[in-house]
Every structure is written in structure tokens, then in C-alpha cells.
């Protein structure tokens, strides 16, 4: 199994590790944002074609990557007894 890796300046990004270190945070935020986006789309129009839905989902996952990365750093800096470690 290969892990997707890309370089961004001097820093190497590994999405599988970023999401794997913050799974509950990713799940909860993903669930809430998908619900909000779906409600907005439902109010704005009757629905979307599948390719447009997949583009929106890919944009959401990319956005969540940039949220999960700093949260993962914050989570690693907290004490091992902290409740933040569970989210």
C-alpha cells in the first residue's frame, strides 16, 4: 500500500497520516459540513449532478486537510490526560 506524499516547500505533506491522527475530529467536522452544504444545495436548487457533487466533496476534503493538520499539532502538544486527545 502506498501513502500519497507531496512536497510543499521544505515540508512533506502526508494526507493519510494527517487524517489518521485526527479521525474523530475529521469525522465530526466532515459530517457537519456535509449536512450544511447539502441543506444549502437543497434550498438553492433541486440537486446536483454526481460530478459536481464529487467536486464539492473533494474541495471539502482538501479544506478539512488544512483544518486537521494544525489540530493534529495542537493535539500532540497537549498532555496525554487531556480530553483534546480523544477528539
N, C-alpha and C. Protein backbone atom coordinates (compact mmCIF):
# COMPACT_ATOMS: atom_id res chain seq x y z
N UNK A 1 0.84 -1.18 0.00
CA UNK A 1 0.00 0.00 0.00
C UNK A 1 0.88 1.24 0.00
N UNK A 2 0.57 2.17 -0.84
CA UNK A 2 1.34 3.40 -0.93
C UNK A 2 0.61 4.53 -0.23
N UNK A 3 1.38 5.38 0.42
CA UNK A 3 0.83 6.57 1.06
C UNK A 3 1.11 7.75 0.14
N UNK A 4 0.08 8.53 -0.14
CA UNK A 4 0.25 9.70 -1.01
C UNK A 4 1.09 10.73 -0.27
N UNK A 5 2.13 11.18 -0.92
CA UNK A 5 3.04 12.17 -0.34
C UNK A 5 3.29 13.25 -1.37
N UNK A 6 3.21 14.49 -0.98
CA UNK A 6 3.62 15.57 -1.87
C UNK A 6 4.41 16.58 -1.08
N UNK A 7 5.27 17.27 -1.77
CA UNK A 7 6.17 18.21 -1.11
C UNK A 7 5.61 19.61 -1.25
N UNK A 8 5.68 20.36 -0.16
CA UNK A 8 5.20 21.74 -0.16
C UNK A 8 6.29 22.57 0.51
N UNK A 9 7.24 23.03 -0.29
CA UNK A 9 8.37 23.75 0.28
C UNK A 9 9.30 22.76 0.96
N UNK A 10 9.71 23.09 2.18
CA UNK A 10 10.61 22.22 2.93
C UNK A 10 9.84 21.16 3.70
N UNK A 11 8.53 21.22 3.68
CA UNK A 11 7.69 20.34 4.46
C UNK A 11 7.03 19.31 3.55
N UNK A 12 6.98 18.05 3.99
CA UNK A 12 6.32 17.00 3.23
C UNK A 12 4.96 16.73 3.83
N UNK A 13 3.92 16.73 3.00
CA UNK A 13 2.55 16.51 3.46
C UNK A 13 2.18 15.05 3.22
N UNK A 14 1.54 14.43 4.21
CA UNK A 14 1.06 13.06 4.08
C UNK A 14 -0.39 13.03 4.54
N UNK A 15 -1.33 13.15 3.60
CA UNK A 15 -2.75 13.24 3.97
C UNK A 15 -3.24 12.04 4.78
N UNK A 16 -2.80 10.84 4.44
CA UNK A 16 -3.26 9.66 5.18
C UNK A 16 -2.85 9.75 6.65
N UNK A 17 -1.65 10.25 6.93
CA UNK A 17 -1.21 10.38 8.32
C UNK A 17 -1.93 11.52 9.02
N UNK A 18 -2.17 12.61 8.32
CA UNK A 18 -2.86 13.75 8.93
C UNK A 18 -4.28 13.34 9.33
N UNK A 19 -5.01 12.70 8.42
CA UNK A 19 -6.37 12.27 8.73
C UNK A 19 -6.36 11.12 9.74
N UNK A 20 -5.35 10.26 9.68
CA UNK A 20 -5.27 9.13 10.60
C UNK A 20 -4.97 9.54 12.03
N UNK A 21 -4.34 10.68 12.21
CA UNK A 21 -4.03 11.16 13.57
C UNK A 21 -5.17 11.96 14.18
N UNK A 22 -6.14 12.34 13.37
CA UNK A 22 -7.28 13.13 13.87
C UNK A 22 -8.60 12.55 13.35
N UNK A 23 -8.85 11.26 13.54
CA UNK A 23 -10.02 10.65 12.89
C UNK A 23 -11.37 11.15 13.40
N UNK A 24 -11.53 11.30 14.70
CA UNK A 24 -12.83 11.73 15.21
C UNK A 24 -13.09 13.19 14.85
N UNK A 25 -12.07 14.03 14.94
CA UNK A 25 -12.21 15.43 14.54
C UNK A 25 -12.62 15.51 13.08
N UNK A 26 -11.95 14.73 12.21
CA UNK A 26 -12.29 14.72 10.78
C UNK A 26 -13.72 14.26 10.58
N UNK A 27 -14.12 13.18 11.24
CA UNK A 27 -15.46 12.63 11.06
C UNK A 27 -16.54 13.63 11.48
N UNK A 28 -16.38 14.22 12.65
CA UNK A 28 -17.41 15.14 13.16
C UNK A 28 -17.52 16.38 12.27
N UNK A 29 -16.41 16.99 11.93
CA UNK A 29 -16.44 18.19 11.08
C UNK A 29 -16.95 17.84 9.68
N UNK A 30 -16.51 16.72 9.12
CA UNK A 30 -16.97 16.28 7.80
C UNK A 30 -18.48 16.07 7.80
N UNK A 31 -18.99 15.42 8.83
CA UNK A 31 -20.43 15.15 8.94
C UNK A 31 -21.22 16.45 9.01
N UNK A 32 -20.77 17.39 9.85
CA UNK A 32 -21.48 18.66 9.99
C UNK A 32 -21.43 19.50 8.71
N UNK A 33 -20.25 19.61 8.11
CA UNK A 33 -20.13 20.43 6.91
C UNK A 33 -20.89 19.82 5.73
N UNK A 34 -20.89 18.50 5.61
CA UNK A 34 -21.67 17.87 4.53
C UNK A 34 -23.16 18.14 4.72
N UNK A 35 -23.64 18.11 5.95
CA UNK A 35 -25.04 18.41 6.23
C UNK A 35 -25.40 19.84 5.89
N UNK A 36 -24.53 20.77 6.26
CA UNK A 36 -24.78 22.19 5.97
C UNK A 36 -24.76 22.44 4.46
N UNK A 37 -23.79 21.87 3.77
CA UNK A 37 -23.70 22.06 2.32
C UNK A 37 -24.91 21.42 1.63
N UNK A 38 -25.32 20.23 2.07
CA UNK A 38 -26.48 19.56 1.47
C UNK A 38 -27.75 20.38 1.69
N UNK A 39 -27.92 20.94 2.88
CA UNK A 39 -29.11 21.76 3.15
C UNK A 39 -29.10 23.00 2.26
N UNK A 40 -27.96 23.62 2.11
CA UNK A 40 -27.85 24.81 1.25
C UNK A 40 -28.18 24.46 -0.19
N UNK A 41 -27.64 23.35 -0.68
CA UNK A 41 -27.90 22.94 -2.07
C UNK A 41 -29.38 22.60 -2.25
N UNK A 42 -29.97 21.96 -1.25
CA UNK A 42 -31.39 21.61 -1.33
C UNK A 42 -32.26 22.86 -1.40
N UNK A 43 -31.89 23.88 -0.64
CA UNK A 43 -32.66 25.13 -0.67
C UNK A 43 -32.43 25.91 -1.96
N UNK A 44 -31.22 25.84 -2.50
CA UNK A 44 -30.88 26.63 -3.68
C UNK A 44 -31.41 26.01 -4.97
N UNK A 45 -31.42 24.69 -5.05
CA UNK A 45 -31.88 24.03 -6.28
C UNK A 45 -32.36 22.62 -5.95
N UNK A 46 -32.77 21.89 -6.95
CA UNK A 46 -33.30 20.54 -6.72
C UNK A 46 -32.22 19.51 -6.45
N UNK A 47 -31.01 19.79 -6.76
CA UNK A 47 -29.92 18.83 -6.55
C UNK A 47 -28.79 19.10 -7.52
N UNK A 48 -27.80 18.24 -7.49
CA UNK A 48 -26.63 18.39 -8.36
C UNK A 48 -26.36 17.08 -9.08
N UNK A 49 -25.71 17.20 -10.23
CA UNK A 49 -25.21 16.01 -10.90
C UNK A 49 -24.07 15.44 -10.09
N UNK A 50 -23.84 14.14 -10.23
CA UNK A 50 -22.81 13.47 -9.46
C UNK A 50 -21.42 14.08 -9.62
N UNK A 51 -20.97 14.42 -10.84
CA UNK A 51 -19.63 15.02 -10.96
C UNK A 51 -19.49 16.31 -10.14
N UNK A 52 -20.54 17.13 -10.09
CA UNK A 52 -20.46 18.35 -9.29
C UNK A 52 -20.42 18.02 -7.80
N UNK A 53 -21.16 17.02 -7.41
CA UNK A 53 -21.15 16.60 -6.01
C UNK A 53 -19.77 16.10 -5.61
N UNK A 54 -19.13 15.36 -6.50
CA UNK A 54 -17.79 14.85 -6.20
C UNK A 54 -16.77 15.98 -6.13
N UNK A 55 -16.93 17.00 -6.97
CA UNK A 55 -16.02 18.15 -6.89
C UNK A 55 -16.19 18.89 -5.57
N UNK A 56 -17.42 19.05 -5.14
CA UNK A 56 -17.67 19.71 -3.86
C UNK A 56 -17.08 18.88 -2.72
N UNK A 57 -17.26 17.57 -2.78
CA UNK A 57 -16.72 16.69 -1.75
C UNK A 57 -15.18 16.75 -1.73
N UNK A 58 -14.55 16.73 -2.90
CA UNK A 58 -13.09 16.81 -2.97
C UNK A 58 -12.59 18.14 -2.40
N UNK A 59 -13.31 19.22 -2.68
CA UNK A 59 -12.95 20.52 -2.09
C UNK A 59 -13.10 20.51 -0.58
N UNK A 60 -14.14 19.85 -0.09
CA UNK A 60 -14.36 19.74 1.35
C UNK A 60 -13.25 18.95 2.02
N UNK A 61 -12.84 17.85 1.42
CA UNK A 61 -11.76 17.04 1.99
C UNK A 61 -10.45 17.81 1.99
N UNK A 62 -10.20 18.58 0.93
CA UNK A 62 -9.00 19.41 0.89
C UNK A 62 -9.04 20.47 1.98
N UNK A 63 -10.19 21.10 2.16
CA UNK A 63 -10.36 22.09 3.23
C UNK A 63 -10.14 21.44 4.60
N UNK A 64 -10.66 20.24 4.78
CA UNK A 64 -10.50 19.54 6.06
C UNK A 64 -9.05 19.15 6.32
N UNK A 65 -8.30 18.89 5.27
CA UNK A 65 -6.88 18.59 5.46
C UNK A 65 -6.18 19.77 6.13
N UNK A 66 -6.51 20.97 5.67
CA UNK A 66 -5.87 22.16 6.24
C UNK A 66 -6.42 22.50 7.63
N UNK A 67 -7.56 21.93 8.03
CA UNK A 67 -8.04 22.07 9.40
C UNK A 67 -7.45 21.00 10.31
N UNK A 68 -7.33 19.78 9.80
CA UNK A 68 -6.85 18.67 10.61
C UNK A 68 -5.36 18.77 10.91
N UNK A 69 -4.61 19.36 10.00
CA UNK A 69 -3.17 19.46 10.21
C UNK A 69 -2.81 20.29 11.45
N UNK A 70 -3.32 21.52 11.60
CA UNK A 70 -3.00 22.26 12.82
C UNK A 70 -3.63 21.64 14.07
N UNK A 71 -4.81 21.04 13.92
CA UNK A 71 -5.41 20.37 15.07
C UNK A 71 -4.55 19.19 15.53
N UNK A 72 -3.97 18.47 14.59
CA UNK A 72 -3.08 17.36 14.95
C UNK A 72 -1.85 17.85 15.70
N UNK A 73 -1.29 18.98 15.28
CA UNK A 73 -0.14 19.55 16.01
C UNK A 73 -0.56 19.97 17.41
N UNK A 74 -1.74 20.62 17.53
CA UNK A 74 -2.25 21.02 18.84
C UNK A 74 -2.47 19.80 19.73
N UNK A 75 -3.04 18.77 19.15
CA UNK A 75 -3.34 17.55 19.89
C UNK A 75 -2.05 16.90 20.42
N UNK A 76 -0.99 16.92 19.63
CA UNK A 76 0.28 16.34 20.06
C UNK A 76 0.95 17.16 21.16
N UNK A 77 0.64 18.45 21.25
CA UNK A 77 1.26 19.30 22.26
C UNK A 77 0.55 19.26 23.60
N UNK A 78 -0.65 18.71 23.65
CA UNK A 78 -1.39 18.65 24.90
C UNK A 78 -0.93 17.45 25.73
N UNK A 79 -1.25 17.49 27.00
CA UNK A 79 -0.88 16.40 27.90
C UNK A 79 -1.63 15.13 27.52
N UNK A 80 -1.05 13.99 27.86
CA UNK A 80 -1.67 12.72 27.48
C UNK A 80 -2.99 12.48 28.21
N UNK A 81 -3.25 13.18 29.32
CA UNK A 81 -4.51 13.02 30.04
C UNK A 81 -5.59 13.98 29.55
N UNK A 82 -5.24 14.84 28.62
CA UNK A 82 -6.19 15.87 28.15
C UNK A 82 -7.34 15.26 27.36
N UNK A 83 -8.51 15.84 27.51
CA UNK A 83 -9.67 15.38 26.74
C UNK A 83 -9.53 15.72 25.26
N UNK A 84 -8.70 16.69 24.91
CA UNK A 84 -8.47 17.03 23.49
C UNK A 84 -7.87 15.87 22.73
N UNK A 85 -7.19 14.96 23.43
CA UNK A 85 -6.57 13.82 22.77
C UNK A 85 -7.60 12.83 22.22
N UNK A 86 -8.83 12.87 22.74
CA UNK A 86 -9.85 11.95 22.29
C UNK A 86 -10.57 12.44 21.05
N UNK A 87 -10.55 13.73 20.78
CA UNK A 87 -11.26 14.28 19.63
C UNK A 87 -10.40 14.23 18.39
